[in-house]
Amino acid sequence: MYAFTRPGDTATQDFARSLGATWVGGSDEAPPAELGGTVLLAPVGALVPTALAVTRKGRCVVCGGIPMGNLPGFPYRLL
């Protein structure tokens, strides 16, 4: 399992590791491999294109951050 946090949030990153995350980084970092699926819990619409970009084609990106902020424009190829 990979976990993303706010950039620089080392306390939350340490917590994710304690729960078994094999890689932890800020939302401004790229994971070491494409993701097989993504669950986006942050209520930040701007993270949706980022999640789409790092998730393998044909896999699912679940947006569970309610309320979600506005989605920015992004390239259709990310879908």
PDB file of N, CA and C in Angstrom:
ATOM      1  N   MET A   1       0.842  -1.167   0.000  1.00  0.00           N
ATOM      2  CA  MET A   1       0.000   0.000   0.000  1.00  0.00           C
ATOM      3  C   MET A   1       0.892   1.236   0.000  1.00  0.00           C
ATOM      4  N   TYR A   2       0.536   2.195  -0.814  1.00  0.00           N
ATOM      5  CA  TYR A   2       1.228   3.479  -0.850  1.00  0.00           C
ATOM      6  C   TYR A   2       0.309   4.513  -0.212  1.00  0.00           C
ATOM      7  N   ALA A   3       0.884   5.491   0.468  1.00  0.00           N
ATOM      8  CA  ALA A   3       0.097   6.538   1.116  1.00  0.00           C
ATOM      9  C   ALA A   3       0.681   7.896   0.775  1.00  0.00           C
ATOM     10  N   PHE A   4      -0.202   8.829   0.482  1.00  0.00           N
ATOM     11  CA  PHE A   4       0.188  10.206   0.209  1.00  0.00           C
ATOM     12  C   PHE A   4      -0.382  11.084   1.317  1.00  0.00           C
ATOM     13  N   THR A   5       0.385  12.091   1.705  1.00  0.00           N
ATOM     14  CA  THR A   5      -0.044  13.035   2.736  1.00  0.00           C
ATOM     15  C   THR A   5       0.183  14.446   2.221  1.00  0.00           C
ATOM     16  N   ARG A   6      -0.141  15.403   3.057  1.00  0.00           N
ATOM     17  CA  ARG A   6       0.245  16.775   2.723  1.00  0.00           C
ATOM     18  C   ARG A   6       1.767  16.808   2.644  1.00  0.00           C
ATOM     19  N   PRO A   7       2.305  17.564   1.704  1.00  0.00           N
ATOM     20  CA  PRO A   7       3.764  17.662   1.618  1.00  0.00           C
ATOM     21  C   PRO A   7       4.372  18.102   2.955  1.00  0.00           C
ATOM     22  N   GLY A   8       5.377  17.364   3.399  1.00  0.00           N
ATOM     23  CA  GLY A   8       6.084  17.720   4.630  1.00  0.00           C
ATOM     24  C   GLY A   8       5.419  17.279   5.923  1.00  0.00           C
ATOM     25  N   ASP A   9       4.294  16.589   5.842  1.00  0.00           N
ATOM     26  CA  ASP A   9       3.585  16.158   7.053  1.00  0.00           C
ATOM     27  C   ASP A   9       4.198  14.857   7.571  1.00  0.00           C
ATOM     28  N   THR A  10       5.346  14.981   8.214  1.00  0.00           N
ATOM     29  CA  THR A  10       6.094  13.794   8.639  1.00  0.00           C
ATOM     30  C   THR A  10       5.375  12.982   9.716  1.00  0.00           C
ATOM     31  N   ALA A  11       4.597  13.632  10.577  1.00  0.00           N
ATOM     32  CA  ALA A  11       3.865  12.890  11.613  1.00  0.00           C
ATOM     33  C   ALA A  11       2.853  11.944  10.977  1.00  0.00           C
ATOM     34  N   THR A  12       2.117  12.431  10.004  1.00  0.00           N
ATOM     35  CA  THR A  12       1.132  11.588   9.325  1.00  0.00           C
ATOM     36  C   THR A  12       1.825  10.524   8.482  1.00  0.00           C
ATOM     37  N   GLN A  13       2.949  10.861   7.888  1.00  0.00           N
ATOM     38  CA  GLN A  13       3.703   9.870   7.114  1.00  0.00           C
ATOM     39  C   GLN A  13       4.206   8.752   8.020  1.00  0.00           C
ATOM     40  N   ASP A  14       4.691   9.092   9.191  1.00  0.00           N
ATOM     41  CA  ASP A  14       5.130   8.079  10.152  1.00  0.00           C
ATOM     42  C   ASP A  14       3.960   7.197  10.577  1.00  0.00           C
ATOM     43  N   PHE A  15       2.798   7.804  10.764  1.00  0.00           N
ATOM     44  CA  PHE A  15       1.601   7.047  11.139  1.00  0.00           C
ATOM     45  C   PHE A  15       1.225   6.058  10.029  1.00  0.00           C
ATOM     46  N   ALA A  16       1.284   6.506   8.782  1.00  0.00           N
ATOM     47  CA  ALA A  16       0.971   5.618   7.653  1.00  0.00           C
ATOM     48  C   ALA A  16       1.939   4.435   7.616  1.00  0.00           C
ATOM     49  N   ARG A  17       3.196   4.693   7.855  1.00  0.00           N
ATOM     50  CA  ARG A  17       4.185   3.601   7.906  1.00  0.00           C
ATOM     51  C   ARG A  17       3.864   2.618   9.035  1.00  0.00           C
ATOM     52  N   SER A  18       3.442   3.148  10.178  1.00  0.00           N
ATOM     53  CA  SER A  18       3.121   2.280  11.317  1.00  0.00           C
ATOM     54  C   SER A  18       1.914   1.391  11.021  1.00  0.00           C
ATOM     55  N   LEU A  19       1.083   1.812  10.071  1.00  0.00           N
ATOM     56  CA  LEU A  19      -0.077   1.015   9.670  1.00  0.00           C
ATOM     57  C   LEU A  19       0.247   0.041   8.540  1.00  0.00           C
ATOM     58  N   GLY A  20       1.505   0.067   8.071  1.00  0.00           N
ATOM     59  CA  GLY A  20       1.928  -0.901   7.070  1.00  0.00           C
ATOM     60  C   GLY A  20       2.152  -0.371   5.669  1.00  0.00           C
ATOM     61  N   ALA A  21       2.104   0.925   5.473  1.00  0.00           N
ATOM     62  CA  ALA A  21       2.370   1.469   4.144  1.00  0.00           C
ATOM     63  C   ALA A  21       3.812   1.147   3.743  1.00  0.00           C
ATOM     64  N   THR A  22       3.997   0.681   2.518  1.00  0.00           N
ATOM     65  CA  THR A  22       5.335   0.337   2.049  1.00  0.00           C
ATOM     66  C   THR A  22       6.050   1.538   1.437  1.00  0.00           C
ATOM     67  N   TRP A  23       5.290   2.533   1.018  1.00  0.00           N
ATOM     68  CA  TRP A  23       5.861   3.786   0.523  1.00  0.00           C
ATOM     69  C   TRP A  23       4.965   4.908   0.999  1.00  0.00           C
ATOM     70  N   VAL A  24       5.565   5.993   1.445  1.00  0.00           N
ATOM     71  CA  VAL A  24       4.816   7.166   1.901  1.00  0.00           C
ATOM     72  C   VAL A  24       5.494   8.402   1.343  1.00  0.00           C
ATOM     73  N   GLY A  25       4.699   9.335   0.841  1.00  0.00           N
ATOM     74  CA  GLY A  25       5.251  10.578   0.326  1.00  0.00           C
ATOM     75  C   GLY A  25       4.202  11.667   0.327  1.00  0.00           C
ATOM     76  N   GLY A  26       4.635  12.868  -0.002  1.00  0.00           N
ATOM     77  CA  GLY A  26       3.709  13.990  -0.107  1.00  0.00           C
ATOM     78  C   GLY A  26       2.915  13.913  -1.396  1.00  0.00           C
ATOM     79  N   SER A  27       1.788  14.609  -1.429  1.00  0.00           N
ATOM     80  CA  SER A  27       0.952  14.610  -2.629  1.00  0.00           C
ATOM     81  C   SER A  27       1.635  15.305  -3.802  1.00  0.00           C
ATOM     82  N   ASP A  28       2.760  15.928  -3.542  1.00  0.00           N
ATOM     83  CA  ASP A  28       3.546  16.558  -4.606  1.00  0.00           C
ATOM     84  C   ASP A  28       4.638  15.631  -5.144  1.00  0.00           C
ATOM     85  N   GLU A  29       4.666  14.382  -4.673  1.00  0.00           N
ATOM     86  CA  GLU A  29       5.674  13.406  -5.096  1.00  0.00           C
ATOM     87  C   GLU A  29       5.043  12.323  -5.961  1.00  0.00           C
ATOM     88  N   ALA A  30       5.856  11.747  -6.841  1.00  0.00           N
ATOM     89  CA  ALA A  30       5.394  10.621  -7.658  1.00  0.00           C
ATOM     90  C   ALA A  30       5.703   9.317  -6.929  1.00  0.00           C
ATOM     91  N   PRO A  31       4.774   8.356  -6.983  1.00  0.00           N
ATOM     92  CA  PRO A  31       5.057   7.062  -6.365  1.00  0.00           C
ATOM     93  C   PRO A  31       6.116   6.312  -7.166  1.00  0.00           C
ATOM     94  N   PRO A  32       6.722   5.286  -6.583  1.00  0.00           N
ATOM     95  CA  PRO A  32       7.774   4.553  -7.292  1.00  0.00           C
ATOM     96  C   PRO A  32       7.256   3.677  -8.433  1.00  0.00           C
ATOM     97  N   ALA A  33       5.955   3.509  -8.540  1.00  0.00           N
ATOM     98  CA  ALA A  33       5.363   2.701  -9.619  1.00  0.00           C
ATOM     99  C   ALA A  33       3.945   3.191  -9.869  1.00  0.00           C
ATOM    100  N   GLU A  34       3.397   2.843 -11.050  1.00  0.00           N
ATOM    101  CA  GLU A  34       2.000   3.171 -11.314  1.00  0.00           C
ATOM    102  C   GLU A  34       1.117   2.458 -10.292  1.00  0.00           C
ATOM    103  N   LEU A  35       0.021   3.092  -9.956  1.00  0.00           N
ATOM    104  CA  LEU A  35      -0.877   2.521  -8.956  1.00  0.00           C
ATOM    105  C   LEU A  35      -1.938   1.653  -9.623  1.00  0.00           C
ATOM    106  N   GLY A  36      -2.282   0.560  -8.973  1.00  0.00           N
ATOM    107  CA  GLY A  36      -3.307  -0.337  -9.485  1.00  0.00           C
ATOM    108  C   GLY A  36      -4.708   0.152  -9.197  1.00  0.00           C
ATOM    109  N   GLY A  37      -4.845   1.175  -8.428  1.00  0.00           N
ATOM    110  CA  GLY A  37      -6.109   1.796  -8.065  1.00  0.00           C
ATOM    111  C   GLY A  37      -5.818   2.871  -7.040  1.00  0.00           C
ATOM    112  N   THR A  38      -6.717   3.826  -6.927  1.00  0.00           N
ATOM    113  CA  THR A  38      -6.484   4.947  -6.029  1.00  0.00           C
ATOM    114  C   THR A  38      -7.769   5.288  -5.292  1.00  0.00           C
ATOM    115  N   VAL A  39      -7.648   5.527  -4.005  1.00  0.00           N
ATOM    116  CA  VAL A  39      -8.746   6.062  -3.211  1.00  0.00           C
ATOM    117  C   VAL A  39      -8.296   7.430  -2.727  1.00  0.00           C
ATOM    118  N   LEU A  40      -8.965   8.457  -3.193  1.00  0.00           N
ATOM    119  CA  LEU A  40      -8.620   9.838  -2.861  1.00  0.00           C
ATOM    120  C   LEU A  40      -9.593  10.319  -1.796  1.00  0.00           C
ATOM    121  N   LEU A  41      -9.116  10.459  -0.569  1.00  0.00           N
ATOM    122  CA  LEU A  41      -9.974  10.878   0.536  1.00  0.00           C
ATOM    123  C   LEU A  41      -9.858  12.363   0.858  1.00  0.00           C
ATOM    124  N   ALA A  42      -8.836  13.012   0.355  1.00  0.00           N
ATOM    125  CA  ALA A  42      -8.670  14.447   0.604  1.00  0.00           C
ATOM    126  C   ALA A  42      -9.765  15.211  -0.137  1.00  0.00           C
ATOM    127  N   PRO A  43     -10.391  16.202   0.504  1.00  0.00           N
ATOM    128  CA  PRO A  43     -11.430  16.989  -0.166  1.00  0.00           C
ATOM    129  C   PRO A  43     -10.822  18.086  -1.037  1.00  0.00           C
ATOM    130  N   VAL A  44      -9.877  17.700  -1.882  1.00  0.00           N
ATOM    131  CA  VAL A  44      -9.121  18.661  -2.696  1.00  0.00           C
ATOM    132  C   VAL A  44      -9.254  18.261  -4.163  1.00  0.00           C
ATOM    133  N   GLY A  45     -10.126  18.941  -4.874  1.00  0.00           N
ATOM    134  CA  GLY A  45     -10.361  18.616  -6.279  1.00  0.00           C
ATOM    135  C   GLY A  45      -9.111  18.689  -7.134  1.00  0.00           C
ATOM    136  N   ALA A  46      -8.178  19.556  -6.762  1.00  0.00           N
ATOM    137  CA  ALA A  46      -6.948  19.704  -7.540  1.00  0.00           C
ATOM    138  C   ALA A  46      -6.105  18.434  -7.544  1.00  0.00           C
ATOM    139  N   LEU A  47      -6.354  17.492  -6.615  1.00  0.00           N
ATOM    140  CA  LEU A  47      -5.586  16.250  -6.581  1.00  0.00           C
ATOM    141  C   LEU A  47      -6.119  15.185  -7.546  1.00  0.00           C
ATOM    142  N   VAL A  48      -7.314  15.396  -8.092  1.00  0.00           N
ATOM    143  CA  VAL A  48      -7.899  14.394  -8.994  1.00  0.00           C
ATOM    144  C   VAL A  48      -7.025  14.166 -10.232  1.00  0.00           C
ATOM    145  N   PRO A  49      -6.580  15.208 -10.952  1.00  0.00           N
ATOM    146  CA  PRO A  49      -5.706  14.955 -12.101  1.00  0.00           C
ATOM    147  C   PRO A  49      -4.409  14.253 -11.709  1.00  0.00           C
ATOM    148  N   THR A  50      -3.877  14.574 -10.540  1.00  0.00           N
ATOM    149  CA  THR A  50      -2.664  13.908 -10.061  1.00  0.00           C
ATOM    150  C   THR A  50      -2.930  12.427  -9.848  1.00  0.00           C
ATOM    151  N   ALA A  51      -4.044  12.098  -9.214  1.00  0.00           N
ATOM    152  CA  ALA A  51      -4.404  10.697  -8.975  1.00  0.00           C
ATOM    153  C   ALA A  51      -4.595   9.957 -10.301  1.00  0.00           C
ATOM    154  N   LEU A  52      -5.252  10.592 -11.246  1.00  0.00           N
ATOM    155  CA  LEU A  52      -5.445   9.969 -12.563  1.00  0.00           C
ATOM    156  C   LEU A  52      -4.111   9.717 -13.252  1.00  0.00           C
ATOM    157  N   ALA A  53      -3.186  10.656 -13.114  1.00  0.00           N
ATOM    158  CA  ALA A  53      -1.901  10.546 -13.806  1.00  0.00           C
ATOM    159  C   ALA A  53      -1.033   9.414 -13.271  1.00  0.00           C
ATOM    160  N   VAL A  54      -1.181   9.046 -11.995  1.00  0.00           N
ATOM    161  CA  VAL A  54      -0.315   8.011 -11.409  1.00  0.00           C
ATOM    162  C   VAL A  54      -0.998   6.646 -11.318  1.00  0.00           C
ATOM    163  N   THR A  55      -2.243   6.566 -11.799  1.00  0.00           N
ATOM    164  CA  THR A  55      -2.996   5.307 -11.755  1.00  0.00           C
ATOM    165  C   THR A  55      -2.964   4.642 -13.125  1.00  0.00           C
ATOM    166  N   ARG A  56      -2.694   3.357 -13.130  1.00  0.00           N
ATOM    167  CA  ARG A  56      -2.606   2.580 -14.364  1.00  0.00           C
ATOM    168  C   ARG A  56      -3.903   2.699 -15.169  1.00  0.00           C
ATOM    169  N   LYS A  57      -3.789   2.829 -16.492  1.00  0.00           N
ATOM    170  CA  LYS A  57      -4.947   2.928 -17.377  1.00  0.00           C
ATOM    171  C   LYS A  57      -5.891   1.756 -17.152  1.00  0.00           C
ATOM    172  N   GLY A  58      -7.180   2.053 -17.148  1.00  0.00           N
ATOM    173  CA  GLY A  58      -8.190   1.025 -16.966  1.00  0.00           C
ATOM    174  C   GLY A  58      -8.494   0.696 -15.519  1.00  0.00           C
ATOM    175  N   ARG A  59      -7.773   1.290 -14.605  1.00  0.00           N
ATOM    176  CA  ARG A  59      -8.002   1.050 -13.181  1.00  0.00           C
ATOM    177  C   ARG A  59      -8.863   2.172 -12.614  1.00  0.00           C
ATOM    178  N   CYS A  60      -9.265   2.040 -11.384  1.00  0.00           N
ATOM    179  CA  CYS A  60     -10.255   2.915 -10.775  1.00  0.00           C
ATOM    180  C   CYS A  60      -9.620   3.977  -9.874  1.00  0.00           C
ATOM    181  N   VAL A  61     -10.143   5.191  -9.964  1.00  0.00           N
ATOM    182  CA  VAL A  61      -9.821   6.262  -9.030  1.00  0.00           C
ATOM    183  C   VAL A  61     -11.127   6.614  -8.317  1.00  0.00           C
ATOM    184  N   VAL A  62     -11.184   6.370  -7.025  1.00  0.00           N
ATOM    185  CA  VAL A  62     -12.372   6.662  -6.223  1.00  0.00           C
ATOM    186  C   VAL A  62     -12.145   7.988  -5.508  1.00  0.00           C
ATOM    187  N   CYS A  63     -13.077   8.919  -5.678  1.00  0.00           N
ATOM    188  CA  CYS A  63     -12.991  10.227  -5.023  1.00  0.00           C
ATOM    189  C   CYS A  63     -13.963  10.240  -3.853  1.00  0.00           C
ATOM    190  N   GLY A  64     -13.443  10.074  -2.642  1.00  0.00           N
ATOM    191  CA  GLY A  64     -14.286   9.997  -1.464  1.00  0.00           C
ATOM    192  C   GLY A  64     -14.201  11.213  -0.568  1.00  0.00           C
ATOM    193  N   GLY A  65     -13.523  12.258  -1.009  1.00  0.00           N
ATOM    194  CA  GLY A  65     -13.410  13.468  -0.199  1.00  0.00           C
ATOM    195  C   GLY A  65     -14.678  14.291  -0.343  1.00  0.00           C
ATOM    196  N   ILE A  66     -15.523  14.267   0.658  1.00  0.00           N
ATOM    197  CA  ILE A  66     -16.793  14.979   0.581  1.00  0.00           C
ATOM    198  C   ILE A  66     -16.761  16.061   1.647  1.00  0.00           C
ATOM    199  N   PRO A  67     -16.967  17.326   1.351  1.00  0.00           N
ATOM    200  CA  PRO A  67     -17.194  17.840   0.015  1.00  0.00           C
ATOM    201  C   PRO A  67     -15.888  17.965  -0.760  1.00  0.00           C
ATOM    202  N   MET A  68     -15.943  17.731  -2.022  1.00  0.00           N
ATOM    203  CA  MET A  68     -14.772  17.821  -2.897  1.00  0.00           C
ATOM    204  C   MET A  68     -14.718  19.230  -3.468  1.00  0.00           C
ATOM    205  N   GLY A  69     -13.533  19.811  -3.519  1.00  0.00           N
ATOM    206  CA  GLY A  69     -13.374  21.121  -4.130  1.00  0.00           C
ATOM    207  C   GLY A  69     -13.550  21.025  -5.636  1.00  0.00           C
ATOM    208  N   ASN A  70     -13.574  22.156  -6.301  1.00  0.00           N
ATOM    209  CA  ASN A  70     -13.721  22.181  -7.756  1.00  0.00           C
ATOM    210  C   ASN A  70     -12.592  21.424  -8.434  1.00  0.00           C
ATOM    211  N   LEU A  71     -12.924  20.730  -9.501  1.00  0.00           N
ATOM    212  CA  LEU A  71     -11.915  20.028 -10.288  1.00  0.00           C
ATOM    213  C   LEU A  71     -11.328  20.989 -11.304  1.00  0.00           C
ATOM    214  N   PRO A  72     -10.016  21.013 -11.425  1.00  0.00           N
ATOM    215  CA  PRO A  72      -9.407  21.855 -12.456  1.00  0.00           C
ATOM    216  C   PRO A  72      -9.533  21.165 -13.807  1.00  0.00           C
ATOM    217  N   GLY A  73      -9.315  21.912 -14.865  1.00  0.00           N
ATOM    218  CA  GLY A  73      -9.258  21.291 -16.179  1.00  0.00           C
ATOM    219  C   GLY A  73      -8.035  20.389 -16.251  1.00  0.00           C
ATOM    220  N   PHE A  74      -8.154  19.297 -17.010  1.00  0.00           N
ATOM    221  CA  PHE A  74      -7.021  18.397 -17.178  1.00  0.00           C
ATOM    222  C   PHE A  74      -7.152  17.692 -18.516  1.00  0.00           C
ATOM    223  N   PRO A  75      -6.041  17.159 -19.030  1.00  0.00           N
ATOM    224  CA  PRO A  75      -6.058  16.524 -20.339  1.00  0.00           C
ATOM    225  C   PRO A  75      -6.974  15.300 -20.374  1.00  0.00           C
ATOM    226  N   TYR A  76      -7.747  15.150 -21.430  1.00  0.00           N
ATOM    227  CA  TYR A  76      -8.653  14.021 -21.593  1.00  0.00           C
ATOM    228  C   TYR A  76      -7.908  12.681 -21.544  1.00  0.00           C
ATOM    229  N   ARG A  77      -6.635  12.673 -21.967  1.00  0.00           N
ATOM    230  CA  ARG A  77      -5.857  11.433 -21.991  1.00  0.00           C
ATOM    231  C   ARG A  77      -5.708  10.811 -20.596  1.00  0.00           C
ATOM    232  N   LEU A  78      -5.886  11.601 -19.532  1.00  0.00           N
ATOM    233  CA  LEU A  78      -5.787  11.062 -18.178  1.00  0.00           C
ATOM    234  C   LEU A  78      -6.973  10.163 -17.835  1.00  0.00           C
ATOM    235  N   LEU A  79      -8.084  10.319 -18.573  1.00  0.00           N
ATOM    236  CA  LEU A  79      -9.244   9.464 -18.332  1.00  0.00           C
ATOM    237  C   LEU A  79      -9.017   8.150 -19.032  1.00  0.00           C
TER     238      LEU A  79
END
